[in-house]
Amino acid sequence: PDGQSEEHPADTPVPDFLVQEEAKLRKVAAMRKAGELRRPEKSSVDRSTEAVARRLVTEKPSFDVQAELRDAQNQDDLVRAQRKVVRMQLTESKKEVGLEG
C-alpha cells in the first residue's frame, strides 16, 4: 500500500486471460507471417482501373500445395495450409468468372 514493490509467491499460477492473450498474439503473428492477415483496402482503391490493370499484369505467386502440406508440422499448420489453398482457389475462380464476362 505504501508504493513499495512486494514479492509474489513463486507458485502463483498465471491467470487464464494472460495465457489466452499470449496464444491469441502468437496466432496473429503466425497468420501475419504466413501472409494470411492483411490490412483491409478501401473499395474505391481496389476497383480503380490502375489497380485492376496492375493485378492482371503482375505475376501470380506460385504456391506448391504438396510442399505446404508436407511441411506442416502439426494439425494447426495443416489446417492453415488447407484454408490457404481453398482461399486461393476461390479467389481464382471469382477472378476468372469476372474476366470472362
N, C-alpha and C. Protein backbone atom coordinates (compact mmCIF):
# COMPACT_ATOMS: atom_id res chain seq x y z
N PRO A 1 0.79 -1.21 0.00
CA PRO A 1 0.00 0.00 0.00
C PRO A 1 0.84 1.27 0.00
N ASP A 2 2.08 1.21 0.46
CA ASP A 2 2.89 2.43 0.54
C ASP A 2 3.71 2.68 -0.71
N GLY A 3 3.49 1.93 -1.80
CA GLY A 3 4.16 2.17 -3.07
C GLY A 3 5.40 1.34 -3.28
N GLN A 4 5.81 0.55 -2.33
CA GLN A 4 7.00 -0.29 -2.50
C GLN A 4 6.62 -1.58 -3.21
N SER A 5 7.61 -2.16 -3.90
CA SER A 5 7.33 -3.42 -4.57
C SER A 5 7.29 -4.54 -3.54
N GLU A 6 6.53 -5.57 -3.87
CA GLU A 6 6.41 -6.69 -2.96
C GLU A 6 6.62 -7.98 -3.72
N GLU A 7 7.14 -8.97 -3.06
CA GLU A 7 7.41 -10.27 -3.67
C GLU A 7 6.12 -11.08 -3.75
N HIS A 8 5.92 -11.71 -4.90
CA HIS A 8 4.78 -12.61 -5.06
C HIS A 8 5.26 -14.03 -4.88
N PRO A 9 4.42 -14.89 -4.38
CA PRO A 9 4.83 -16.29 -4.21
C PRO A 9 5.14 -16.92 -5.58
N ALA A 10 6.16 -17.75 -5.64
CA ALA A 10 6.61 -18.36 -6.89
C ALA A 10 5.62 -19.37 -7.43
N ASP A 11 4.78 -19.93 -6.60
CA ASP A 11 3.86 -20.97 -7.04
C ASP A 11 2.51 -20.42 -7.51
N THR A 12 2.41 -19.10 -7.68
CA THR A 12 1.16 -18.49 -8.15
C THR A 12 0.99 -18.78 -9.64
N PRO A 13 -0.16 -19.36 -10.03
CA PRO A 13 -0.36 -19.65 -11.46
C PRO A 13 -0.62 -18.37 -12.26
N VAL A 14 -0.28 -18.44 -13.54
CA VAL A 14 -0.52 -17.31 -14.43
C VAL A 14 -2.03 -17.28 -14.72
N PRO A 15 -2.66 -16.11 -14.65
CA PRO A 15 -4.10 -16.04 -14.91
C PRO A 15 -4.44 -16.48 -16.34
N ASP A 16 -5.63 -17.08 -16.47
CA ASP A 16 -6.06 -17.61 -17.77
C ASP A 16 -6.13 -16.54 -18.85
N PHE A 17 -6.58 -15.34 -18.50
CA PHE A 17 -6.72 -14.31 -19.54
C PHE A 17 -5.37 -13.93 -20.13
N LEU A 18 -4.31 -14.03 -19.34
CA LEU A 18 -2.97 -13.74 -19.88
C LEU A 18 -2.49 -14.88 -20.78
N VAL A 19 -2.78 -16.10 -20.40
CA VAL A 19 -2.39 -17.25 -21.21
C VAL A 19 -3.14 -17.21 -22.55
N GLN A 20 -4.44 -16.90 -22.50
CA GLN A 20 -5.23 -16.82 -23.72
C GLN A 20 -4.76 -15.67 -24.61
N GLU A 21 -4.40 -14.54 -24.00
CA GLU A 21 -3.91 -13.40 -24.76
C GLU A 21 -2.60 -13.76 -25.48
N GLU A 22 -1.73 -14.47 -24.79
CA GLU A 22 -0.47 -14.88 -25.40
C GLU A 22 -0.73 -15.81 -26.59
N ALA A 23 -1.66 -16.74 -26.43
CA ALA A 23 -1.98 -17.67 -27.52
C ALA A 23 -2.58 -16.91 -28.70
N LYS A 24 -3.42 -15.92 -28.42
CA LYS A 24 -4.04 -15.14 -29.49
C LYS A 24 -2.98 -14.33 -30.24
N LEU A 25 -2.04 -13.73 -29.51
CA LEU A 25 -0.98 -12.96 -30.15
C LEU A 25 -0.06 -13.84 -31.00
N ARG A 26 0.22 -15.04 -30.50
CA ARG A 26 1.04 -15.97 -31.29
C ARG A 26 0.33 -16.38 -32.57
N LYS A 27 -1.00 -16.59 -32.48
CA LYS A 27 -1.78 -16.97 -33.65
C LYS A 27 -1.79 -15.85 -34.68
N VAL A 28 -1.97 -14.61 -34.22
CA VAL A 28 -1.97 -13.47 -35.14
C VAL A 28 -0.60 -13.31 -35.79
N ALA A 29 0.46 -13.50 -35.01
CA ALA A 29 1.81 -13.40 -35.55
C ALA A 29 2.06 -14.48 -36.61
N ALA A 30 1.57 -15.69 -36.35
CA ALA A 30 1.74 -16.77 -37.32
C ALA A 30 0.95 -16.49 -38.59
N MET A 31 -0.27 -15.95 -38.45
CA MET A 31 -1.07 -15.61 -39.62
C MET A 31 -0.42 -14.50 -40.42
N ARG A 32 0.13 -13.51 -39.73
CA ARG A 32 0.80 -12.40 -40.41
C ARG A 32 2.03 -12.91 -41.15
N LYS A 33 2.77 -13.82 -40.51
CA LYS A 33 3.97 -14.38 -41.13
C LYS A 33 3.61 -15.20 -42.36
N ALA A 34 2.47 -15.91 -42.31
CA ALA A 34 2.04 -16.73 -43.43
C ALA A 34 1.40 -15.90 -44.54
N GLY A 35 1.20 -14.62 -44.29
CA GLY A 35 0.60 -13.75 -45.30
C GLY A 35 -0.91 -13.81 -45.35
N GLU A 36 -1.52 -14.38 -44.33
CA GLU A 36 -2.98 -14.51 -44.31
C GLU A 36 -3.67 -13.30 -43.71
N LEU A 37 -2.91 -12.45 -43.04
CA LEU A 37 -3.51 -11.31 -42.36
C LEU A 37 -2.99 -10.03 -42.98
N ARG A 38 -3.89 -9.27 -43.58
CA ARG A 38 -3.50 -8.01 -44.20
C ARG A 38 -4.49 -6.94 -43.79
N ARG A 39 -4.07 -5.69 -43.94
CA ARG A 39 -4.97 -4.59 -43.68
C ARG A 39 -6.01 -4.51 -44.78
N PRO A 40 -7.25 -4.20 -44.43
CA PRO A 40 -8.28 -4.09 -45.48
C PRO A 40 -8.03 -2.88 -46.37
N GLU A 41 -8.33 -3.04 -47.66
CA GLU A 41 -8.16 -1.94 -48.61
C GLU A 41 -9.51 -1.29 -48.84
N LYS A 42 -9.48 -0.03 -49.15
CA LYS A 42 -10.73 0.67 -49.46
C LYS A 42 -11.23 0.20 -50.81
N SER A 43 -12.52 0.10 -50.94
CA SER A 43 -13.10 -0.47 -52.15
C SER A 43 -12.81 0.36 -53.40
N SER A 44 -12.83 1.68 -53.29
CA SER A 44 -12.58 2.51 -54.47
C SER A 44 -11.14 2.32 -54.97
N VAL A 45 -10.20 2.15 -54.04
CA VAL A 45 -8.81 1.90 -54.42
C VAL A 45 -8.69 0.52 -55.06
N ASP A 46 -9.43 -0.42 -54.53
CA ASP A 46 -9.37 -1.79 -55.00
C ASP A 46 -9.95 -1.92 -56.41
N ARG A 47 -10.94 -1.08 -56.77
CA ARG A 47 -11.63 -1.21 -58.05
C ARG A 47 -11.12 -0.25 -59.11
N SER A 48 -10.14 0.57 -58.80
CA SER A 48 -9.67 1.54 -59.78
C SER A 48 -9.07 0.85 -60.99
N THR A 49 -9.05 1.55 -62.10
CA THR A 49 -8.53 0.99 -63.35
C THR A 49 -7.07 0.59 -63.19
N GLU A 50 -6.30 1.44 -62.50
CA GLU A 50 -4.89 1.13 -62.29
C GLU A 50 -4.72 -0.14 -61.46
N ALA A 51 -5.55 -0.29 -60.43
CA ALA A 51 -5.43 -1.47 -59.57
C ALA A 51 -5.79 -2.74 -60.33
N VAL A 52 -6.83 -2.67 -61.15
CA VAL A 52 -7.23 -3.84 -61.94
C VAL A 52 -6.14 -4.18 -62.95
N ALA A 53 -5.61 -3.18 -63.63
CA ALA A 53 -4.54 -3.42 -64.61
C ALA A 53 -3.30 -3.99 -63.92
N ARG A 54 -2.95 -3.44 -62.76
CA ARG A 54 -1.79 -3.92 -62.03
C ARG A 54 -1.99 -5.38 -61.62
N ARG A 55 -3.19 -5.72 -61.20
CA ARG A 55 -3.48 -7.08 -60.78
C ARG A 55 -3.39 -8.05 -61.95
N LEU A 56 -3.83 -7.63 -63.14
CA LEU A 56 -3.78 -8.50 -64.30
C LEU A 56 -2.36 -8.67 -64.84
N VAL A 57 -1.53 -7.64 -64.68
CA VAL A 57 -0.18 -7.66 -65.23
C VAL A 57 0.81 -8.38 -64.31
N THR A 58 0.62 -8.26 -63.01
CA THR A 58 1.60 -8.83 -62.08
C THR A 58 1.62 -10.35 -62.15
N GLU A 59 2.79 -10.87 -61.89
CA GLU A 59 2.99 -12.32 -61.89
C GLU A 59 2.27 -12.92 -60.69
N LYS A 60 1.53 -13.98 -60.92
CA LYS A 60 0.81 -14.62 -59.83
C LYS A 60 1.80 -15.41 -58.99
N PRO A 61 1.66 -15.34 -57.67
CA PRO A 61 2.60 -16.09 -56.83
C PRO A 61 2.38 -17.59 -56.98
N SER A 62 3.48 -18.31 -57.09
CA SER A 62 3.37 -19.76 -57.20
C SER A 62 3.22 -20.34 -55.79
N PHE A 63 2.45 -21.39 -55.70
CA PHE A 63 2.15 -21.99 -54.41
C PHE A 63 2.20 -23.49 -54.57
N ASP A 64 3.16 -24.12 -53.93
CA ASP A 64 3.32 -25.57 -54.02
C ASP A 64 2.50 -26.22 -52.92
N VAL A 65 1.33 -26.72 -53.27
CA VAL A 65 0.41 -27.29 -52.29
C VAL A 65 1.04 -28.51 -51.63
N GLN A 66 1.65 -29.35 -52.41
CA GLN A 66 2.23 -30.58 -51.87
C GLN A 66 3.32 -30.25 -50.84
N ALA A 67 4.16 -29.26 -51.14
CA ALA A 67 5.22 -28.89 -50.20
C ALA A 67 4.63 -28.28 -48.93
N GLU A 68 3.59 -27.46 -49.08
CA GLU A 68 2.96 -26.85 -47.90
C GLU A 68 2.39 -27.92 -46.98
N LEU A 69 1.69 -28.89 -47.57
CA LEU A 69 1.08 -29.95 -46.76
C LEU A 69 2.15 -30.85 -46.15
N ARG A 70 3.21 -31.10 -46.90
CA ARG A 70 4.29 -31.95 -46.39
C ARG A 70 5.04 -31.26 -45.25
N ASP A 71 5.19 -29.94 -45.34
CA ASP A 71 5.94 -29.20 -44.33
C ASP A 71 5.13 -28.89 -43.08
N ALA A 72 3.85 -29.18 -43.10
CA ALA A 72 3.01 -28.92 -41.92
C ALA A 72 3.52 -29.78 -40.77
N GLN A 73 3.82 -29.10 -39.66
CA GLN A 73 4.40 -29.82 -38.52
C GLN A 73 3.36 -30.29 -37.53
N ASN A 74 2.18 -29.68 -37.55
CA ASN A 74 1.13 -30.11 -36.64
C ASN A 74 -0.22 -29.87 -37.31
N GLN A 75 -1.28 -30.19 -36.59
CA GLN A 75 -2.62 -30.08 -37.15
C GLN A 75 -2.97 -28.63 -37.50
N ASP A 76 -2.52 -27.67 -36.68
CA ASP A 76 -2.81 -26.26 -36.94
C ASP A 76 -2.18 -25.81 -38.26
N ASP A 77 -0.93 -26.23 -38.50
CA ASP A 77 -0.26 -25.88 -39.76
C ASP A 77 -0.99 -26.50 -40.95
N LEU A 78 -1.44 -27.73 -40.76
CA LEU A 78 -2.16 -28.42 -41.84
C LEU A 78 -3.47 -27.70 -42.15
N VAL A 79 -4.22 -27.33 -41.13
CA VAL A 79 -5.48 -26.61 -41.34
C VAL A 79 -5.22 -25.27 -42.01
N ARG A 80 -4.18 -24.56 -41.57
CA ARG A 80 -3.84 -23.25 -42.15
C ARG A 80 -3.50 -23.40 -43.63
N ALA A 81 -2.73 -24.44 -43.98
CA ALA A 81 -2.35 -24.66 -45.37
C ALA A 81 -3.58 -25.01 -46.22
N GLN A 82 -4.46 -25.85 -45.67
CA GLN A 82 -5.66 -26.23 -46.41
C GLN A 82 -6.56 -25.02 -46.64
N ARG A 83 -6.70 -24.17 -45.65
CA ARG A 83 -7.53 -22.97 -45.80
C ARG A 83 -6.92 -22.02 -46.84
N LYS A 84 -5.59 -21.95 -46.86
CA LYS A 84 -4.93 -21.09 -47.83
C LYS A 84 -5.19 -21.59 -49.25
N VAL A 85 -5.15 -22.90 -49.43
CA VAL A 85 -5.41 -23.48 -50.74
C VAL A 85 -6.85 -23.18 -51.17
N VAL A 86 -7.79 -23.38 -50.26
CA VAL A 86 -9.20 -23.13 -50.58
C VAL A 86 -9.41 -21.66 -50.91
N ARG A 87 -8.81 -20.77 -50.12
CA ARG A 87 -8.96 -19.34 -50.36
C ARG A 87 -8.39 -18.95 -51.73
N MET A 88 -7.24 -19.52 -52.09
CA MET A 88 -6.64 -19.21 -53.38
C MET A 88 -7.51 -19.73 -54.52
N GLN A 89 -8.10 -20.92 -54.35
CA GLN A 89 -8.97 -21.47 -55.38
C GLN A 89 -10.21 -20.61 -55.55
N LEU A 90 -10.78 -20.15 -54.44
CA LEU A 90 -11.97 -19.31 -54.52
C LEU A 90 -11.67 -17.98 -55.20
N THR A 91 -10.56 -17.35 -54.83
CA THR A 91 -10.24 -16.07 -55.45
C THR A 91 -9.95 -16.22 -56.94
N GLU A 92 -9.30 -17.30 -57.32
CA GLU A 92 -9.02 -17.53 -58.74
C GLU A 92 -10.31 -17.78 -59.51
N SER A 93 -11.22 -18.54 -58.93
CA SER A 93 -12.47 -18.82 -59.64
C SER A 93 -13.30 -17.55 -59.78
N LYS A 94 -13.29 -16.69 -58.78
CA LYS A 94 -14.02 -15.43 -58.86
C LYS A 94 -13.39 -14.51 -59.91
N LYS A 95 -12.07 -14.47 -59.96
CA LYS A 95 -11.39 -13.61 -60.95
C LYS A 95 -11.69 -14.10 -62.37
N GLU A 96 -11.63 -15.41 -62.58
CA GLU A 96 -11.86 -15.95 -63.90
C GLU A 96 -13.29 -15.68 -64.37
N VAL A 97 -14.25 -15.81 -63.47
CA VAL A 97 -15.64 -15.55 -63.83
C VAL A 97 -15.79 -14.08 -64.20
N GLY A 98 -15.15 -13.19 -63.45
CA GLY A 98 -15.24 -11.77 -63.74
C GLY A 98 -14.57 -11.39 -65.03
N LEU A 99 -13.52 -12.08 -65.40
CA LEU A 99 -12.80 -11.74 -66.63
C LEU A 99 -13.50 -12.29 -67.87
N GLU A 100 -14.28 -13.35 -67.71
CA GLU A 100 -14.96 -13.94 -68.85
C GLU A 100 -16.05 -13.01 -69.39
N GLY A 101 -16.79 -12.38 -68.46
CA GLY A 101 -17.94 -11.59 -68.86
C GLY A 101 -17.54 -10.28 -69.38
